[in-house]
Amino acid sequence: MLKISNYSLTLRGSNNQSLPVLENINLEIKEGTCLGIAGESGSGKSVMAMSVVGLLPKSSIIKTEGHIYLNNIDTVSANENELNKIRGKQVGFIFQEPMTAMNPLMKLQEQIDEVIYAHENIISKEEAKRRVIKALLRAGFKEPEKFLDSYPHQLSGGMRQRAMIAMALVMEPKLVIADEPTTAIDAELQIQLLGELRRQIVDHGLSMMFISHDLGVLRTISDEIAVLYCGNLLEKGPSNEILSNPKHPYTADLIAALPRLVQNRILPEPIKGSLPSPDSKPSGCVYSNRCAYANEKCLSERPTLRQACNNHFVACWCE
């Protein structure tokens, strides 16, 4: 469904400096599977997701290298007209915060109608309404007809999140990109939404890129996980393998930092230090300034992804 090949992205900073935000990213999403993207805030997860469908402002891009193939269309070199045919129809996007992503002056049905009419001008109001209701049902709405005339502020947080999912599903795309869609909701609702999204993958053959800083969430929904740090891909492989047998120290540190029930007085361990900015990355491994195992080679030479076992890949000199 999606293939990101040797993709690098340099953005323009506030002082007009060059910021290498993404470096040599190689990822694939197979049909009917979910790829989880993990990493701290500032790792480049959302920037990579927006790059897939060309949502980054052209004025902010200094240079791109490599390719992003979506159904054999290279979205890196595609023009705006070509991208508009892809957005919404071939790729659905669930944004991080529905209250800011939705128009506060538009009713729920109007918001989802807008996606339909962007791709199909000749369609009756009755057919549009039928599709909206179908999408809301797929997103977990109960009796969606009651909420079609509601404004975003009249919906609960969970309903707004489901509305965003419905907007992503209404054109029945083959790929959905979900950018931390469960961050601002409570744990019980989070479990429900993850279950509904997982059913879309299993029952409808949907492919998904699910972005989260929470490896516990990715354990629930992802078939494979890729770990990003400072715009670099440090580890990727099957979810169970990544979470039970992490090969990169950063992945192990993320797992150790997970909130969990206290057992045997073992508390979560915060990762020491902070993420460097894109213009001040270490010259060697990007995690070397925070890694407890860093050696001289780690400090001077950037590792590349290599196969550790089966389909498990890691970029680390210490593994």
C-alpha atoms as a PDB file:
ATOM      1  CA  MET A   1       0.000   0.000   0.000  1.00  0.00           C
ATOM      2  CA  LEU A   2       2.731   2.441   0.980  1.00  0.00           C
ATOM      3  CA  LYS A   3       6.467   2.376   0.426  1.00  0.00           C
ATOM      4  CA  ILE A   4       8.813   5.050   1.773  1.00  0.00           C
ATOM      5  CA  SER A   5      12.176   4.660   0.091  1.00  0.00           C
ATOM      6  CA  ASN A   6      15.380   6.461   1.228  1.00  0.00           C
ATOM      7  CA  TYR A   7      13.300   9.520   2.114  1.00  0.00           C
ATOM      8  CA  SER A   8      15.016  12.575   3.617  1.00  0.00           C
ATOM      9  CA  LEU A   9      13.502  15.975   4.334  1.00  0.00           C
ATOM     10  CA  THR A  10      15.159  19.297   5.120  1.00  0.00           C
ATOM     11  CA  LEU A  11      12.945  22.121   6.386  1.00  0.00           C
ATOM     12  CA  ARG A  12      13.554  25.864   6.757  1.00  0.00           C
ATOM     13  CA  GLY A  13      14.004  27.036  10.357  1.00  0.00           C
ATOM     14  CA  SER A  14      12.834  30.293  11.939  1.00  0.00           C
ATOM     15  CA  ASN A  15      16.232  31.876  11.239  1.00  0.00           C
ATOM     16  CA  ASN A  16      16.273  30.490   7.695  1.00  0.00           C
ATOM     17  CA  GLN A  17      18.658  27.704   8.730  1.00  0.00           C
ATOM     18  CA  SER A  18      18.487  24.202   7.268  1.00  0.00           C
ATOM     19  CA  LEU A  19      16.900  21.617   9.561  1.00  0.00           C
ATOM     20  CA  PRO A  20      17.412  17.944   8.595  1.00  0.00           C
ATOM     21  CA  VAL A  21      14.094  16.714  10.010  1.00  0.00           C
ATOM     22  CA  LEU A  22      13.996  13.231   8.418  1.00  0.00           C
ATOM     23  CA  GLU A  23      16.998  11.177   7.285  1.00  0.00           C
ATOM     24  CA  ASN A  24      16.967   8.158   4.978  1.00  0.00           C
ATOM     25  CA  ILE A  25      13.619   6.668   6.049  1.00  0.00           C
ATOM     26  CA  ASN A  26      12.714   3.241   4.623  1.00  0.00           C
ATOM     27  CA  LEU A  27       9.305   1.811   5.560  1.00  0.00           C
ATOM     28  CA  GLU A  28       6.510  -0.257   4.025  1.00  0.00           C
ATOM     29  CA  ILE A  29       2.878  -0.865   4.927  1.00  0.00           C
ATOM     30  CA  LYS A  30       1.343  -4.035   3.549  1.00  0.00           C
ATOM     31  CA  GLU A  31      -2.331  -4.310   2.654  1.00  0.00           C
ATOM     32  CA  GLY A  32      -4.567  -5.028   5.639  1.00  0.00           C
ATOM     33  CA  THR A  33      -1.878  -4.344   8.256  1.00  0.00           C
ATOM     34  CA  CYS A  34      -1.085  -1.581  10.742  1.00  0.00           C
ATOM     35  CA  LEU A  35       2.361  -0.025  11.080  1.00  0.00           C
ATOM     36  CA  GLY A  36       2.886   1.730  14.407  1.00  0.00           C
ATOM     37  CA  ILE A  37       5.267   4.709  14.500  1.00  0.00           C
ATOM     38  CA  ALA A  38       6.770   5.258  17.963  1.00  0.00           C
ATOM     39  CA  GLY A  39       8.967   7.964  19.429  1.00  0.00           C
ATOM     40  CA  GLU A  40       9.037  10.998  21.696  1.00  0.00           C
ATOM     41  CA  SER A  41       7.493  14.318  20.719  1.00  0.00           C
ATOM     42  CA  GLY A  42       9.810  15.956  18.191  1.00  0.00           C
ATOM     43  CA  SER A  43      11.031  12.668  16.722  1.00  0.00           C
ATOM     44  CA  GLY A  44       9.546  13.449  13.285  1.00  0.00           C
ATOM     45  CA  LYS A  45       6.479  11.187  13.394  1.00  0.00           C
ATOM     46  CA  SER A  46       3.860  13.762  12.360  1.00  0.00           C
ATOM     47  CA  VAL A  47       6.163  15.381   9.786  1.00  0.00           C
ATOM     48  CA  MET A  48       6.653  11.998   8.139  1.00  0.00           C
ATOM     49  CA  ALA A  49       2.897  11.361   8.119  1.00  0.00           C
ATOM     50  CA  MET A  50       2.164  14.738   6.527  1.00  0.00           C
ATOM     51  CA  SER A  51       4.891  14.129   3.954  1.00  0.00           C
ATOM     52  CA  VAL A  52       2.995  11.061   2.707  1.00  0.00           C
ATOM     53  CA  VAL A  53       0.117  13.212   1.432  1.00  0.00           C
ATOM     54  CA  GLY A  54       2.011  16.462   0.827  1.00  0.00           C
ATOM     55  CA  LEU A  55       0.496  18.483   3.680  1.00  0.00           C
ATOM     56  CA  LEU A  56       3.681  20.373   4.553  1.00  0.00           C
ATOM     57  CA  PRO A  57       3.815  23.992   3.278  1.00  0.00           C
ATOM     58  CA  LYS A  58       5.966  24.131   0.148  1.00  0.00           C
ATOM     59  CA  SER A  59       7.621  27.339   1.392  1.00  0.00           C
ATOM     60  CA  SER A  60       9.010  25.496   4.432  1.00  0.00           C
ATOM     61  CA  ILE A  61      10.701  22.731   2.424  1.00  0.00           C
ATOM     62  CA  ILE A  62      14.327  23.284   1.428  1.00  0.00           C
ATOM     63  CA  LYS A  63      15.091  19.840   0.033  1.00  0.00           C
ATOM     64  CA  THR A  64      13.617  16.351  -0.302  1.00  0.00           C
ATOM     65  CA  GLU A  65      15.380  13.169  -1.330  1.00  0.00           C
ATOM     66  CA  GLY A  66      14.032   9.696  -2.038  1.00  0.00           C
ATOM     67  CA  HIS A  67      10.476   8.600  -2.792  1.00  0.00           C
ATOM     68  CA  ILE A  68       7.110   7.942  -1.148  1.00  0.00           C
ATOM     69  CA  TYR A  69       5.059   5.543  -3.257  1.00  0.00           C
ATOM     70  CA  LEU A  70       1.337   5.300  -2.644  1.00  0.00           C
ATOM     71  CA  ASN A  71      -0.263   2.799  -5.026  1.00  0.00           C
ATOM     72  CA  ASN A  72       2.718   3.382  -7.338  1.00  0.00           C
ATOM     73  CA  ILE A  73       2.231   7.183  -7.293  1.00  0.00           C
ATOM     74  CA  ASP A  74       5.249   9.108  -5.986  1.00  0.00           C
ATOM     75  CA  THR A  75       3.703  11.737  -3.705  1.00  0.00           C
ATOM     76  CA  VAL A  76       7.056  13.509  -3.333  1.00  0.00           C
ATOM     77  CA  SER A  77       7.057  14.618  -6.984  1.00  0.00           C
ATOM     78  CA  ALA A  78       3.238  14.772  -7.432  1.00  0.00           C
ATOM     79  CA  ASN A  79       1.662  18.180  -8.061  1.00  0.00           C
ATOM     80  CA  GLU A  80      -1.178  19.673  -6.007  1.00  0.00           C
ATOM     81  CA  ASN A  81      -3.934  18.433  -8.340  1.00  0.00           C
ATOM     82  CA  GLU A  82      -2.611  14.879  -8.165  1.00  0.00           C
ATOM     83  CA  LEU A  83      -2.357  15.087  -4.374  1.00  0.00           C
ATOM     84  CA  ASN A  84      -5.916  16.396  -4.045  1.00  0.00           C
ATOM     85  CA  LYS A  85      -7.173  13.285  -5.837  1.00  0.00           C
ATOM     86  CA  ILE A  86      -5.315  11.133  -3.305  1.00  0.00           C
ATOM     87  CA  ARG A  87      -6.173  12.976  -0.079  1.00  0.00           C
ATOM     88  CA  GLY A  88      -9.379  11.725   1.453  1.00  0.00           C
ATOM     89  CA  LYS A  89     -10.108   9.247  -1.343  1.00  0.00           C
ATOM     90  CA  GLN A  90      -7.071   6.955  -1.315  1.00  0.00           C
ATOM     91  CA  VAL A  91      -5.689   8.090   2.040  1.00  0.00           C
ATOM     92  CA  GLY A  92      -7.759   9.122   5.069  1.00  0.00           C
ATOM     93  CA  PHE A  93      -6.104  11.261   7.759  1.00  0.00           C
ATOM     94  CA  ILE A  94      -7.160  11.294  11.425  1.00  0.00           C
ATOM     95  CA  PHE A  95      -5.650  14.398  12.979  1.00  0.00           C
ATOM     96  CA  GLN A  96      -4.361  14.675  16.512  1.00  0.00           C
ATOM     97  CA  GLU A  97      -6.854  17.123  18.028  1.00  0.00           C
ATOM     98  CA  PRO A  98     -10.421  17.033  16.644  1.00  0.00           C
ATOM     99  CA  MET A  99     -11.486  20.320  18.276  1.00  0.00           C
ATOM    100  CA  THR A 100      -8.919  22.224  16.198  1.00  0.00           C
ATOM    101  CA  ALA A 101      -9.214  20.030  13.079  1.00  0.00           C
ATOM    102  CA  MET A 102     -13.011  20.474  12.820  1.00  0.00           C
ATOM    103  CA  ASN A 103     -14.709  23.694  11.696  1.00  0.00           C
ATOM    104  CA  PRO A 104     -16.640  25.061  14.723  1.00  0.00           C
ATOM    105  CA  LEU A 105     -19.198  26.740  12.414  1.00  0.00           C
ATOM    106  CA  MET A 106     -20.151  23.602  10.495  1.00  0.00           C
ATOM    107  CA  LYS A 107     -22.553  20.880  11.559  1.00  0.00           C
ATOM    108  CA  LEU A 108     -21.364  17.287  11.719  1.00  0.00           C
ATOM    109  CA  GLN A 109     -22.994  16.183   8.461  1.00  0.00           C
ATOM    110  CA  GLU A 110     -21.656  19.254   6.620  1.00  0.00           C
ATOM    111  CA  GLN A 111     -18.102  18.490   7.791  1.00  0.00           C
ATOM    112  CA  ILE A 112     -18.219  14.936   6.438  1.00  0.00           C
ATOM    113  CA  ASP A 113     -20.205  15.951   3.319  1.00  0.00           C
ATOM    114  CA  GLU A 114     -17.321  18.255   2.448  1.00  0.00           C
ATOM    115  CA  VAL A 115     -15.003  15.259   2.020  1.00  0.00           C
ATOM    116  CA  ILE A 116     -17.491  13.536  -0.298  1.00  0.00           C
ATOM    117  CA  TYR A 117     -18.167  16.568  -2.505  1.00  0.00           C
ATOM    118  CA  ALA A 118     -14.435  17.275  -2.822  1.00  0.00           C
ATOM    119  CA  HIS A 119     -14.202  14.070  -4.877  1.00  0.00           C
ATOM    120  CA  GLU A 120     -17.710  13.549  -6.266  1.00  0.00           C
ATOM    121  CA  ASN A 121     -19.594  16.617  -7.481  1.00  0.00           C
ATOM    122  CA  ILE A 122     -22.573  14.773  -8.936  1.00  0.00           C
ATOM    123  CA  ILE A 123     -24.207  13.055  -5.989  1.00  0.00           C
ATOM    124  CA  SER A 124     -27.619  13.476  -4.382  1.00  0.00           C
ATOM    125  CA  LYS A 125     -28.077  14.796  -0.843  1.00  0.00           C
ATOM    126  CA  GLU A 126     -29.776  11.527   0.093  1.00  0.00           C
ATOM    127  CA  GLU A 127     -26.787   9.460  -1.107  1.00  0.00           C
ATOM    128  CA  ALA A 128     -24.355  11.770   0.698  1.00  0.00           C
ATOM    129  CA  LYS A 129     -26.367  11.435   3.911  1.00  0.00           C
ATOM    130  CA  ARG A 130     -26.407   7.641   3.554  1.00  0.00           C
ATOM    131  CA  ARG A 131     -22.627   7.570   3.210  1.00  0.00           C
ATOM    132  CA  VAL A 132     -22.162   9.893   6.196  1.00  0.00           C
ATOM    133  CA  ILE A 133     -24.327   7.667   8.391  1.00  0.00           C
ATOM    134  CA  LYS A 134     -22.471   4.566   7.203  1.00  0.00           C
ATOM    135  CA  ALA A 135     -19.109   6.175   8.035  1.00  0.00           C
ATOM    136  CA  LEU A 136     -20.324   7.260  11.489  1.00  0.00           C
ATOM    137  CA  LEU A 137     -21.541   3.727  12.206  1.00  0.00           C
ATOM    138  CA  ARG A 138     -18.144   2.330  11.174  1.00  0.00           C
ATOM    139  CA  ALA A 139     -16.517   4.826  13.542  1.00  0.00           C
ATOM    140  CA  GLY A 140     -18.596   3.562  16.454  1.00  0.00           C
ATOM    141  CA  PHE A 141     -21.447   6.106  16.585  1.00  0.00           C
ATOM    142  CA  LYS A 142     -24.712   4.774  17.988  1.00  0.00           C
ATOM    143  CA  GLU A 143     -27.819   6.297  16.344  1.00  0.00           C
ATOM    144  CA  PRO A 144     -25.742   8.773  14.289  1.00  0.00           C
ATOM    145  CA  GLU A 145     -28.889  10.354  12.783  1.00  0.00           C
ATOM    146  CA  LYS A 146     -29.422  12.166  16.098  1.00  0.00           C
ATOM    147  CA  PHE A 147     -26.120  14.042  15.799  1.00  0.00           C
ATOM    148  CA  LEU A 148     -26.007  15.061  12.117  1.00  0.00           C
ATOM    149  CA  ASP A 149     -27.118  18.627  12.933  1.00  0.00           C
ATOM    150  CA  SER A 150     -24.789  19.002  15.928  1.00  0.00           C
ATOM    151  CA  TYR A 151     -21.869  21.445  16.004  1.00  0.00           C
ATOM    152  CA  PRO A 152     -18.473  20.230  17.311  1.00  0.00           C
ATOM    153  CA  HIS A 153     -18.917  21.959  20.689  1.00  0.00           C
ATOM    154  CA  GLN A 154     -22.171  20.020  21.178  1.00  0.00           C
ATOM    155  CA  LEU A 155     -20.368  16.677  20.906  1.00  0.00           C
ATOM    156  CA  SER A 156     -18.387  14.964  23.645  1.00  0.00           C
ATOM    157  CA  GLY A 157     -14.643  14.451  23.218  1.00  0.00           C
ATOM    158  CA  GLY A 158     -15.190  10.833  22.262  1.00  0.00           C
ATOM    159  CA  MET A 159     -17.837  11.746  19.690  1.00  0.00           C
ATOM    160  CA  ARG A 160     -15.555  14.363  18.132  1.00  0.00           C
ATOM    161  CA  GLN A 161     -12.802  11.770  17.893  1.00  0.00           C
ATOM    162  CA  ARG A 162     -15.201   9.312  16.251  1.00  0.00           C
ATOM    163  CA  ALA A 163     -16.328  12.075  13.881  1.00  0.00           C
ATOM    164  CA  MET A 164     -12.699  12.520  12.788  1.00  0.00           C
ATOM    165  CA  ILE A 165     -12.456   8.778  12.171  1.00  0.00           C
ATOM    166  CA  ALA A 166     -15.700   8.904  10.144  1.00  0.00           C
ATOM    167  CA  MET A 167     -14.288  11.744   8.018  1.00  0.00           C
ATOM    168  CA  ALA A 168     -11.241   9.583   7.300  1.00  0.00           C
ATOM    169  CA  LEU A 169     -13.370   6.542   6.402  1.00  0.00           C
ATOM    170  CA  VAL A 170     -16.242   8.124   4.435  1.00  0.00           C
ATOM    171  CA  MET A 171     -14.581   7.698   1.012  1.00  0.00           C
ATOM    172  CA  GLU A 172     -13.530   4.163   1.983  1.00  0.00           C
ATOM    173  CA  PRO A 173      -9.783   4.706   1.439  1.00  0.00           C
ATOM    174  CA  LYS A 174      -7.385   1.791   1.458  1.00  0.00           C
ATOM    175  CA  LEU A 175      -4.925   3.564   3.789  1.00  0.00           C
ATOM    176  CA  VAL A 176      -5.621   5.612   6.928  1.00  0.00           C
ATOM    177  CA  ILE A 177      -3.002   7.686   8.749  1.00  0.00           C
ATOM    178  CA  ALA A 178      -3.885   8.183  12.429  1.00  0.00           C
ATOM    179  CA  ASP A 179      -1.790  10.841  14.178  1.00  0.00           C
ATOM    180  CA  GLU A 180      -2.082  10.120  17.924  1.00  0.00           C
ATOM    181  CA  PRO A 181      -5.908   9.968  17.751  1.00  0.00           C
ATOM    182  CA  THR A 182      -6.354   8.681  21.322  1.00  0.00           C
ATOM    183  CA  THR A 183      -4.053  11.089  23.196  1.00  0.00           C
ATOM    184  CA  ALA A 184      -6.679  13.443  24.666  1.00  0.00           C
ATOM    185  CA  ILE A 185      -9.292  10.894  25.739  1.00  0.00           C
ATOM    186  CA  ASP A 186      -9.727   8.741  28.835  1.00  0.00           C
ATOM    187  CA  ALA A 187      -8.452   5.169  29.093  1.00  0.00           C
ATOM    188  CA  GLU A 188     -11.822   3.414  28.714  1.00  0.00           C
ATOM    189  CA  LEU A 189     -12.733   5.354  25.583  1.00  0.00           C
ATOM    190  CA  GLN A 190      -9.216   4.828  24.251  1.00  0.00           C
ATOM    191  CA  ILE A 191      -9.688   1.056  24.479  1.00  0.00           C
ATOM    192  CA  GLN A 192     -13.026   1.302  22.632  1.00  0.00           C
ATOM    193  CA  LEU A 193     -11.593   3.413  19.796  1.00  0.00           C
ATOM    194  CA  LEU A 194      -8.557   1.176  19.404  1.00  0.00           C
ATOM    195  CA  GLY A 195     -10.867  -1.819  19.183  1.00  0.00           C
ATOM    196  CA  GLU A 196     -12.975  -0.123  16.511  1.00  0.00           C
ATOM    197  CA  LEU A 197      -9.916   0.839  14.473  1.00  0.00           C
ATOM    198  CA  ARG A 198      -8.504  -2.675  14.783  1.00  0.00           C
ATOM    199  CA  ARG A 199     -11.809  -4.074  13.487  1.00  0.00           C
ATOM    200  CA  GLN A 200     -11.525  -1.839  10.408  1.00  0.00           C
ATOM    201  CA  ILE A 201      -8.109  -3.385   9.715  1.00  0.00           C
ATOM    202  CA  VAL A 202      -9.233  -6.983  10.239  1.00  0.00           C
ATOM    203  CA  ASP A 203     -12.792  -6.862   8.819  1.00  0.00           C
ATOM    204  CA  HIS A 204     -12.335  -4.366   5.959  1.00  0.00           C
ATOM    205  CA  GLY A 205      -8.712  -5.008   4.966  1.00  0.00           C
ATOM    206  CA  LEU A 206      -7.774  -1.425   5.851  1.00  0.00           C
ATOM    207  CA  SER A 207      -4.089  -0.478   5.950  1.00  0.00           C
ATOM    208  CA  MET A 208      -3.043   1.960   8.654  1.00  0.00           C
ATOM    209  CA  MET A 209      -0.151   4.072   9.872  1.00  0.00           C
ATOM    210  CA  PHE A 210      -0.763   4.678  13.575  1.00  0.00           C
ATOM    211  CA  ILE A 211       1.414   7.300  15.268  1.00  0.00           C
ATOM    212  CA  SER A 212       1.869   7.286  19.029  1.00  0.00           C
ATOM    213  CA  HIS A 213       4.448   7.976  21.721  1.00  0.00           C
ATOM    214  CA  ASP A 214       2.743   5.243  23.785  1.00  0.00           C
ATOM    215  CA  LEU A 215       4.106   1.764  23.085  1.00  0.00           C
ATOM    216  CA  GLY A 216       1.246   0.293  25.130  1.00  0.00           C
ATOM    217  CA  VAL A 217      -1.223   1.671  22.587  1.00  0.00           C
ATOM    218  CA  LEU A 218       0.868   0.371  19.680  1.00  0.00           C
ATOM    219  CA  ARG A 219       0.963  -3.072  21.263  1.00  0.00           C
ATOM    220  CA  THR A 220      -2.854  -3.143  21.008  1.00  0.00           C
ATOM    221  CA  ILE A 221      -3.274  -2.122  17.369  1.00  0.00           C
ATOM    222  CA  SER A 222      -0.035  -2.600  15.405  1.00  0.00           C
ATOM    223  CA  ASP A 223       1.260  -5.555  13.418  1.00  0.00           C
ATOM    224  CA  GLU A 224       4.672  -3.923  13.034  1.00  0.00           C
ATOM    225  CA  ILE A 225       6.414  -1.075  14.848  1.00  0.00           C
ATOM    226  CA  ALA A 226       8.997   1.434  13.643  1.00  0.00           C
ATOM    227  CA  VAL A 227      10.879   3.545  16.195  1.00  0.00           C
ATOM    228  CA  LEU A 228      11.852   7.096  15.207  1.00  0.00           C
ATOM    229  CA  TYR A 229      14.270   9.369  17.040  1.00  0.00           C
ATOM    230  CA  CYS A 230      15.538  12.726  15.786  1.00  0.00           C
ATOM    231  CA  GLY A 231      14.154  11.951  12.334  1.00  0.00           C
ATOM    232  CA  ASN A 232      16.135   8.699  12.141  1.00  0.00           C
ATOM    233  CA  LEU A 233      14.735   5.196  12.000  1.00  0.00           C
ATOM    234  CA  LEU A 234      16.401   3.257  14.833  1.00  0.00           C
ATOM    235  CA  GLU A 235      14.452  -0.008  14.859  1.00  0.00           C
ATOM    236  CA  LYS A 236      11.614  -1.754  13.049  1.00  0.00           C
ATOM    237  CA  GLY A 237      10.016  -5.172  13.071  1.00  0.00           C
ATOM    238  CA  PRO A 238       7.003  -7.234  14.223  1.00  0.00           C
ATOM    239  CA  SER A 239       5.254  -5.658  17.226  1.00  0.00           C
ATOM    240  CA  ASN A 240       5.633  -8.623  19.554  1.00  0.00           C
ATOM    241  CA  GLU A 241       9.306  -8.959  18.691  1.00  0.00           C
ATOM    242  CA  ILE A 242      10.035  -5.242  19.154  1.00  0.00           C
ATOM    243  CA  LEU A 243       8.241  -5.026  22.509  1.00  0.00           C
ATOM    244  CA  SER A 244       9.449  -8.336  23.980  1.00  0.00           C
ATOM    245  CA  ASN A 245      12.995  -8.233  22.610  1.00  0.00           C
ATOM    246  CA  PRO A 246      14.051  -4.637  21.801  1.00  0.00           C
ATOM    247  CA  LYS A 247      17.446  -4.410  20.134  1.00  0.00           C
ATOM    248  CA  HIS A 248      18.048  -0.650  20.355  1.00  0.00           C
ATOM    249  CA  PRO A 249      18.711   1.017  23.726  1.00  0.00           C
ATOM    250  CA  TYR A 250      16.231   3.777  22.871  1.00  0.00           C
ATOM    251  CA  THR A 251      13.407   1.283  22.336  1.00  0.00           C
ATOM    252  CA  ALA A 252      14.299  -0.425  25.625  1.00  0.00           C
ATOM    253  CA  ASP A 253      14.303   2.967  27.366  1.00  0.00           C
ATOM    254  CA  LEU A 254      10.869   3.808  25.925  1.00  0.00           C
ATOM    255  CA  ILE A 255       9.495   0.511  27.240  1.00  0.00           C
ATOM    256  CA  ALA A 256      11.080   1.087  30.671  1.00  0.00           C
ATOM    257  CA  ALA A 257       9.456   4.548  30.796  1.00  0.00           C
ATOM    258  CA  LEU A 258       5.943   3.175  30.226  1.00  0.00           C
ATOM    259  CA  PRO A 259       3.458   3.855  33.067  1.00  0.00           C
ATOM    260  CA  ARG A 260       2.468   0.562  34.644  1.00  0.00           C
ATOM    261  CA  LEU A 261       1.166  -1.001  37.801  1.00  0.00           C
ATOM    262  CA  VAL A 262       3.841  -0.908  40.492  1.00  0.00           C
ATOM    263  CA  GLN A 263       5.115  -4.412  41.158  1.00  0.00           C
ATOM    264  CA  ASN A 264       8.025  -5.319  43.398  1.00  0.00           C
ATOM    265  CA  ARG A 265       8.680  -1.564  43.851  1.00  0.00           C
ATOM    266  CA  ILE A 266       9.809  -1.243  40.205  1.00  0.00           C
ATOM    267  CA  LEU A 267       8.809   2.225  38.993  1.00  0.00           C
ATOM    268  CA  PRO A 268       8.841   3.633  35.440  1.00  0.00           C
ATOM    269  CA  GLU A 269      12.256   5.016  34.520  1.00  0.00           C
ATOM    270  CA  PRO A 270      12.220   8.392  32.707  1.00  0.00           C
ATOM    271  CA  ILE A 271      14.765   8.734  29.911  1.00  0.00           C
ATOM    272  CA  LYS A 272      17.562  11.029  31.047  1.00  0.00           C
ATOM    273  CA  GLY A 273      18.459  14.069  28.974  1.00  0.00           C
ATOM    274  CA  SER A 274      16.413  15.599  26.163  1.00  0.00           C
ATOM    275  CA  LEU A 275      15.885  15.226  22.447  1.00  0.00           C
ATOM    276  CA  PRO A 276      18.388  17.380  20.472  1.00  0.00           C
ATOM    277  CA  SER A 277      17.058  19.845  17.915  1.00  0.00           C
ATOM    278  CA  PRO A 278      17.432  18.945  14.213  1.00  0.00           C
ATOM    279  CA  ASP A 279      20.298  21.438  13.754  1.00  0.00           C
ATOM    280  CA  SER A 280      22.330  20.045  16.678  1.00  0.00           C
ATOM    281  CA  LYS A 281      22.190  16.289  16.187  1.00  0.00           C
ATOM    282  CA  PRO A 282      25.200  14.249  17.363  1.00  0.00           C
ATOM    283  CA  SER A 283      27.594  13.397  14.533  1.00  0.00           C
ATOM    284  CA  GLY A 284      27.448   9.695  15.331  1.00  0.00           C
ATOM    285  CA  CYS A 285      24.374   7.808  16.546  1.00  0.00           C
ATOM    286  CA  VAL A 286      21.626  10.352  17.181  1.00  0.00           C
ATOM    287  CA  TYR A 287      20.886   8.705  20.558  1.00  0.00           C
ATOM    288  CA  SER A 288      24.539   8.587  21.688  1.00  0.00           C
ATOM    289  CA  ASN A 289      24.267  11.612  24.035  1.00  0.00           C
ATOM    290  CA  ARG A 290      21.566   9.813  26.101  1.00  0.00           C
ATOM    291  CA  CYS A 291      22.601   6.184  25.687  1.00  0.00           C
ATOM    292  CA  ALA A 292      24.165   4.291  28.605  1.00  0.00           C
ATOM    293  CA  TYR A 293      25.997   1.940  26.199  1.00  0.00           C
ATOM    294  CA  ALA A 294      27.534   4.500  23.801  1.00  0.00           C
ATOM    295  CA  ASN A 295      31.175   3.860  22.827  1.00  0.00           C
ATOM    296  CA  GLU A 296      33.654   5.802  20.701  1.00  0.00           C
ATOM    297  CA  LYS A 297      32.251   4.417  17.462  1.00  0.00           C
ATOM    298  CA  CYS A 298      28.723   5.459  18.512  1.00  0.00           C
ATOM    299  CA  LEU A 299      29.952   9.020  19.080  1.00  0.00           C
ATOM    300  CA  SER A 300      31.666   9.351  15.706  1.00  0.00           C
ATOM    301  CA  GLU A 301      29.882   7.164  13.147  1.00  0.00           C
ATOM    302  CA  ARG A 302      26.171   7.049  12.226  1.00  0.00           C
ATOM    303  CA  PRO A 303      24.859   3.432  12.186  1.00  0.00           C
ATOM    304  CA  THR A 304      22.552   2.212   9.417  1.00  0.00           C
ATOM    305  CA  LEU A 305      19.703  -0.291   9.658  1.00  0.00           C
ATOM    306  CA  ARG A 306      20.805  -3.910   9.524  1.00  0.00           C
ATOM    307  CA  GLN A 307      18.942  -7.155  10.050  1.00  0.00           C
ATOM    308  CA  ALA A 308      19.170  -8.422  13.618  1.00  0.00           C
ATOM    309  CA  CYS A 309      16.919 -11.477  13.171  1.00  0.00           C
ATOM    310  CA  ASN A 310      14.052 -12.484  10.885  1.00  0.00           C
ATOM    311  CA  ASN A 311      12.242  -9.242   9.953  1.00  0.00           C
ATOM    312  CA  HIS A 312      13.728  -7.318  12.874  1.00  0.00           C
ATOM    313  CA  PHE A 313      16.053  -4.433  11.879  1.00  0.00           C
ATOM    314  CA  VAL A 314      18.117  -2.131  14.103  1.00  0.00           C
ATOM    315  CA  ALA A 315      20.530   0.795  13.664  1.00  0.00           C
ATOM    316  CA  CYS A 316      22.957   0.336  16.547  1.00  0.00           C
ATOM    317  CA  TRP A 317      26.660  -0.384  16.950  1.00  0.00           C
ATOM    318  CA  CYS A 318      26.182  -1.962  20.398  1.00  0.00           C
ATOM    319  CA  GLU A 319      23.631  -4.643  19.473  1.00  0.00           C
END
